[in-house]
Each structure stands twice: as structure tokens, then as C-alpha cells.
Amino acid sequence: MERSNKKPGKMQFIKSFYNDPFRWSLVKSVALFALGVKLAREAIGMDLMAPQIQ
């Protein structure tokens, strides 16, 4: 049985993102941007310039 007739599947599509430097960079950039947005939403009420207790 030859596998050459088979169409590429979902796993091959996902692997193509890792093997292509442009796509992999794009995936990492989008993921880090989404993480930054999530962190910014969580830190809305946080006072970064709060006075230190002595």
C-alpha cells in the first residue's frame, strides 16, 4: 500500500506552521500578543506606584 495518494491531513497542516519560519514567527507573535492582552486585562485595578510600607 502506497501512502502517496493520500491527501495531507490536519497534523501535516499544523506541522507546516512549525517548519515554516515565517508562519512560526507569526504564531509566536500572535500568541504573545494575546498573552499580553490577557495580562493587561487582569491587572486593570493594580496600582503599580503604590507607596512602600516602612
Protein backbone atom coordinates (compact mmCIF):
# COMPACT_ATOMS: atom_id res chain seq x y z
CA MET A 1 0.00 0.00 0.00
CA GLU A 2 1.37 3.34 -1.00
CA ARG A 3 0.61 6.42 1.02
CA SER A 4 1.47 8.85 -1.78
CA ASN A 5 -2.17 9.03 -2.89
CA LYS A 6 -3.33 10.27 0.49
CA LYS A 7 -4.05 13.99 0.93
CA PRO A 8 -2.19 15.85 3.66
CA GLY A 9 -4.13 15.81 6.92
CA LYS A 10 -4.67 18.20 9.78
CA MET A 11 -1.47 17.12 11.52
CA GLN A 12 0.61 17.91 8.44
CA PHE A 13 -1.06 21.34 8.26
CA ILE A 14 -0.15 22.02 11.89
CA LYS A 15 3.42 20.78 11.36
CA SER A 16 3.76 23.15 8.41
CA PHE A 17 3.42 26.10 10.82
CA TYR A 18 6.39 24.83 12.83
CA ASN A 19 8.58 24.07 9.81
CA ASP A 20 8.00 27.42 8.04
CA PRO A 21 10.00 30.18 9.81
CA PHE A 22 7.59 32.96 8.78
CA ARG A 23 4.49 31.09 9.95
CA TRP A 24 6.17 30.03 13.20
CA SER A 25 7.20 33.61 13.92
CA LEU A 26 3.67 34.78 13.20
CA VAL A 27 2.17 32.16 15.53
CA LYS A 28 4.55 33.15 18.34
CA SER A 29 3.85 36.85 17.86
CA VAL A 30 0.08 36.40 17.93
CA ALA A 31 0.29 34.13 20.98
CA LEU A 32 2.48 36.57 22.93
CA PHE A 33 0.22 39.49 21.97
CA ALA A 34 -2.83 37.56 23.21
CA LEU A 35 -1.00 36.76 26.45
CA GLY A 36 -0.14 40.46 26.90
CA VAL A 37 -3.77 41.46 26.38
CA LYS A 38 -4.88 38.86 28.94
CA LEU A 39 -2.33 40.11 31.49
CA ALA A 40 -3.32 43.74 30.89
CA ARG A 41 -6.98 42.91 31.50
CA GLU A 42 -6.13 41.09 34.73
CA ALA A 43 -4.01 44.00 36.02
CA ILE A 44 -6.55 46.80 35.46
CA GLY A 45 -7.08 47.55 39.18
CA MET A 46 -3.46 47.10 40.19
CA ASP A 47 -1.66 50.21 41.49
CA LEU A 48 1.92 49.93 40.26
CA MET A 49 3.07 53.12 42.02
CA ALA A 50 1.75 52.22 45.49
CA PRO A 51 3.82 53.64 48.36
CA GLN A 52 6.05 51.15 50.14
CA ILE A 53 5.32 50.33 53.78
CA GLN A 54 8.23 51.08 56.10
